[in-house]
N, C-alpha and C. Protein backbone atom coordinates (compact mmCIF):
# COMPACT_ATOMS: atom_id res chain seq x y z
N UNK A 1 -7.96 -17.38 20.04
CA UNK A 1 -6.83 -16.86 19.58
C UNK A 1 -6.58 -16.93 17.77
N UNK A 2 -5.81 -15.46 17.51
CA UNK A 2 -5.66 -15.48 16.16
C UNK A 2 -4.67 -15.99 15.86
N UNK A 3 -4.31 -16.03 14.09
CA UNK A 3 -3.92 -17.10 13.62
C UNK A 3 -2.64 -16.40 13.12
N UNK A 4 -1.21 -16.73 13.42
CA UNK A 4 -0.07 -16.00 12.75
C UNK A 4 0.29 -15.83 11.94
N UNK A 5 0.61 -14.57 11.03
CA UNK A 5 0.95 -14.66 9.85
C UNK A 5 2.17 -14.77 9.47
N UNK A 6 2.56 -15.25 8.37
CA UNK A 6 4.09 -15.27 7.84
C UNK A 6 4.78 -13.88 8.14
N UNK A 7 6.14 -13.85 8.52
CA UNK A 7 6.73 -12.27 8.31
C UNK A 7 6.51 -11.75 6.73
N UNK A 8 6.09 -12.92 5.95
CA UNK A 8 6.32 -11.54 4.92
C UNK A 8 5.02 -11.15 4.50
N UNK A 9 4.09 -11.48 5.08
CA UNK A 9 2.91 -11.39 4.79
C UNK A 9 2.78 -10.16 5.66
N UNK A 10 3.10 -10.05 6.88
CA UNK A 10 3.11 -8.81 8.23
C UNK A 10 3.97 -7.88 7.46
N UNK A 11 5.21 -8.14 6.83
CA UNK A 11 5.75 -7.26 6.11
C UNK A 11 4.90 -6.48 5.07
N UNK A 12 4.50 -6.81 4.21
CA UNK A 12 3.74 -6.76 3.01
C UNK A 12 2.86 -5.40 3.86
N UNK A 13 1.65 -6.18 4.65
CA UNK A 13 0.69 -5.85 5.07
C UNK A 13 0.98 -4.19 5.79
N UNK A 14 2.45 -4.28 6.44
CA UNK A 14 2.67 -2.97 7.12
C UNK A 14 3.21 -2.10 6.03
N UNK A 15 3.55 -2.24 5.26
CA UNK A 15 3.68 -1.59 3.97
C UNK A 15 3.05 -1.04 3.38
N UNK A 16 1.54 -2.04 2.86
CA UNK A 16 0.77 -1.19 2.33
C UNK A 16 -0.21 -0.28 3.25
N UNK A 17 0.10 -0.64 4.49
CA UNK A 17 -1.15 0.44 5.51
C UNK A 17 0.07 1.79 5.89
N UNK A 18 1.24 1.78 5.14
CA UNK A 18 1.89 2.99 5.68
C UNK A 18 1.77 3.80 4.16
N UNK A 19 1.45 2.84 2.90
CA UNK A 19 1.14 3.93 1.62
C UNK A 19 0.18 4.26 1.94
N UNK A 20 -1.06 3.54 2.55
CA UNK A 20 -2.49 4.19 2.82
C UNK A 20 -2.36 5.14 3.27
N UNK A 21 -1.72 5.18 4.50
CA UNK A 21 -1.58 6.97 5.37
C UNK A 21 -0.84 7.96 4.29
N UNK A 22 0.01 7.51 3.46
CA UNK A 22 0.60 8.67 2.65
C UNK A 22 -0.05 8.95 1.22
N UNK A 23 -0.74 8.09 0.73
CA UNK A 23 -1.46 8.46 -0.41
C UNK A 23 -2.93 9.70 0.49
N UNK A 24 -3.05 9.23 1.39
CA UNK A 24 -4.35 10.32 2.21
C UNK A 24 -4.16 11.56 2.67
N UNK A 25 -2.59 11.26 2.90
CA UNK A 25 -2.48 12.59 3.58
C UNK A 25 -0.78 13.56 3.10
N UNK A 26 -0.67 12.87 1.56
CA UNK A 26 0.53 13.59 0.99
C UNK A 26 0.12 13.83 -0.32
N UNK A 27 1.00 14.32 -1.31
CA UNK A 27 0.69 14.49 -2.74
C UNK A 27 1.82 13.73 -3.44
N UNK A 28 2.12 12.63 -2.97
CA UNK A 28 3.42 12.32 -3.33
C UNK A 28 2.75 11.39 -4.74
N UNK A 29 3.20 11.34 -5.53
CA UNK A 29 2.87 10.36 -6.87
C UNK A 29 2.78 8.88 -6.11
N UNK A 30 2.28 8.55 -7.27
CA UNK A 30 1.98 6.82 -6.56
C UNK A 30 3.25 6.33 -6.40
N UNK A 31 4.38 6.47 -7.01
CA UNK A 31 5.68 5.99 -7.33
C UNK A 31 6.31 6.48 -6.43
N UNK A 32 5.86 7.69 -5.82
CA UNK A 32 6.74 8.21 -4.61
C UNK A 32 6.31 7.03 -3.66
N UNK A 33 5.27 7.20 -3.43
CA UNK A 33 4.51 6.17 -2.15
C UNK A 33 4.97 5.41 -2.07
N UNK A 34 5.35 4.57 -3.09
CA UNK A 34 5.44 3.37 -3.37
C UNK A 34 6.91 2.96 -2.70
N UNK A 35 7.61 3.92 -3.16
CA UNK A 35 9.26 4.08 -2.85
C UNK A 35 9.47 4.14 -1.29
N UNK A 36 8.49 5.23 -0.76
CA UNK A 36 8.58 5.79 0.32
C UNK A 36 8.29 4.55 1.57
N UNK A 37 7.26 3.57 0.93
CA UNK A 37 6.73 2.56 1.60
C UNK A 37 7.66 1.23 1.39
N UNK A 38 8.78 1.18 0.91
CA UNK A 38 9.68 0.35 1.17
C UNK A 38 9.34 -1.01 -0.08
N UNK A 39 8.54 -0.36 -0.98
CA UNK A 39 8.42 -1.05 -2.27
C UNK A 39 9.69 -0.98 -3.51
N UNK A 40 10.36 -2.10 -3.72
CA UNK A 40 11.57 -1.41 -5.27
C UNK A 40 10.47 -1.45 -6.62
N UNK A 41 9.44 -1.99 -6.66
CA UNK A 41 8.48 -2.15 -7.81
C UNK A 41 7.15 -1.50 -7.40
N UNK A 42 6.98 -0.68 -8.48
CA UNK A 42 5.36 0.20 -8.73
C UNK A 42 4.46 -0.68 -8.91
N UNK A 43 4.83 -1.67 -9.81
CA UNK A 43 4.10 -2.79 -10.20
C UNK A 43 3.63 -3.76 -9.35
N UNK A 44 4.52 -4.14 -8.38
CA UNK A 44 4.06 -5.07 -7.65
C UNK A 44 3.72 -4.29 -6.49
N UNK A 45 4.08 -2.95 -5.75
CA UNK A 45 3.11 -2.20 -5.08
C UNK A 45 1.76 -2.35 -5.12
N UNK A 46 1.35 -1.47 -6.81
CA UNK A 46 -0.27 -1.97 -6.96
C UNK A 46 -1.01 -3.05 -6.78
N UNK A 47 -0.45 -4.28 -7.53
CA UNK A 47 -0.95 -5.23 -7.11
C UNK A 47 -1.14 -5.69 -5.44
N UNK A 48 0.16 -5.55 -4.88
CA UNK A 48 -0.21 -5.78 -3.53
C UNK A 48 -1.63 -4.67 -2.77
N UNK A 49 -1.05 -3.55 -3.41
CA UNK A 49 -2.62 -2.47 -2.58
C UNK A 49 -3.74 -3.20 -2.88
N UNK A 50 -3.92 -3.58 -4.23
CA UNK A 50 -5.08 -3.54 -4.82
C UNK A 50 -5.67 -5.10 -4.09
N UNK A 51 -4.55 -6.08 -3.85
CA UNK A 51 -5.16 -7.36 -3.22
C UNK A 51 -5.52 -7.06 -1.87
N UNK A 52 -4.99 -5.73 -0.85
CA UNK A 52 -5.60 -5.35 0.04
C UNK A 52 -6.74 -4.74 0.16
N UNK A 53 -6.98 -3.45 -0.49
CA UNK A 53 -8.08 -2.87 -0.01
C UNK A 53 -8.73 -2.78 -1.34
N UNK A 54 -8.30 -3.59 -2.37
CA UNK A 54 -9.43 -3.56 -3.50
C UNK A 54 -9.59 -3.01 -4.60
N UNK A 55 -8.71 -1.97 -4.84
CA UNK A 55 -8.63 -0.77 -5.98
C UNK A 55 -7.11 -0.13 -5.84
N UNK A 56 -7.13 0.13 -7.09
CA UNK A 56 -5.67 0.51 -7.18
C UNK A 56 -5.20 1.73 -6.65
N UNK A 57 -3.88 2.25 -5.95
CA UNK A 57 -3.54 2.82 -5.41
C UNK A 57 -4.51 4.92 -5.38
N UNK A 58 -4.01 4.85 -7.06
CA UNK A 58 -4.43 5.76 -7.69
C UNK A 58 -6.09 6.35 -7.66
N UNK A 59 -6.77 5.36 -7.12
CA UNK A 59 -8.11 5.19 -7.23
C UNK A 59 -8.70 5.19 -6.08
N UNK A 60 -8.11 4.57 -5.30
CA UNK A 60 -8.32 4.43 -3.47
C UNK A 60 -8.06 6.34 -3.20
N UNK A 61 -6.89 6.66 -3.41
CA UNK A 61 -7.04 8.30 -3.18
C UNK A 61 -7.98 8.79 -3.13
N UNK A 62 -8.68 8.81 -4.66
CA UNK A 62 -9.60 9.92 -5.09
C UNK A 62 -11.00 9.29 -4.57
N UNK A 63 -10.73 8.75 -4.55
CA UNK A 63 -12.50 8.11 -3.34
C UNK A 63 -11.98 8.48 -1.73
N UNK A 64 -10.72 8.10 -1.58
CA UNK A 64 -11.16 8.41 0.14
C UNK A 64 -10.60 9.88 1.06
N UNK A 65 -10.37 10.64 -0.40
CA UNK A 65 -9.87 12.28 0.18
C UNK A 65 -10.69 13.11 0.22
């Protein structure tokens, strides 16, 4: 049986996954991706993204396109 995640963790993970898709499929800036994914603050988005994927959003885009 899997462990339930707190709602906030689920929400952040869902937003970061959406952002990852935007990074790989659009030419939006990181700030625009952050906004489109539901983050109000780009630095918070970048920290959260790095915690999940191990690199900054810009570097992730460059390495995975």
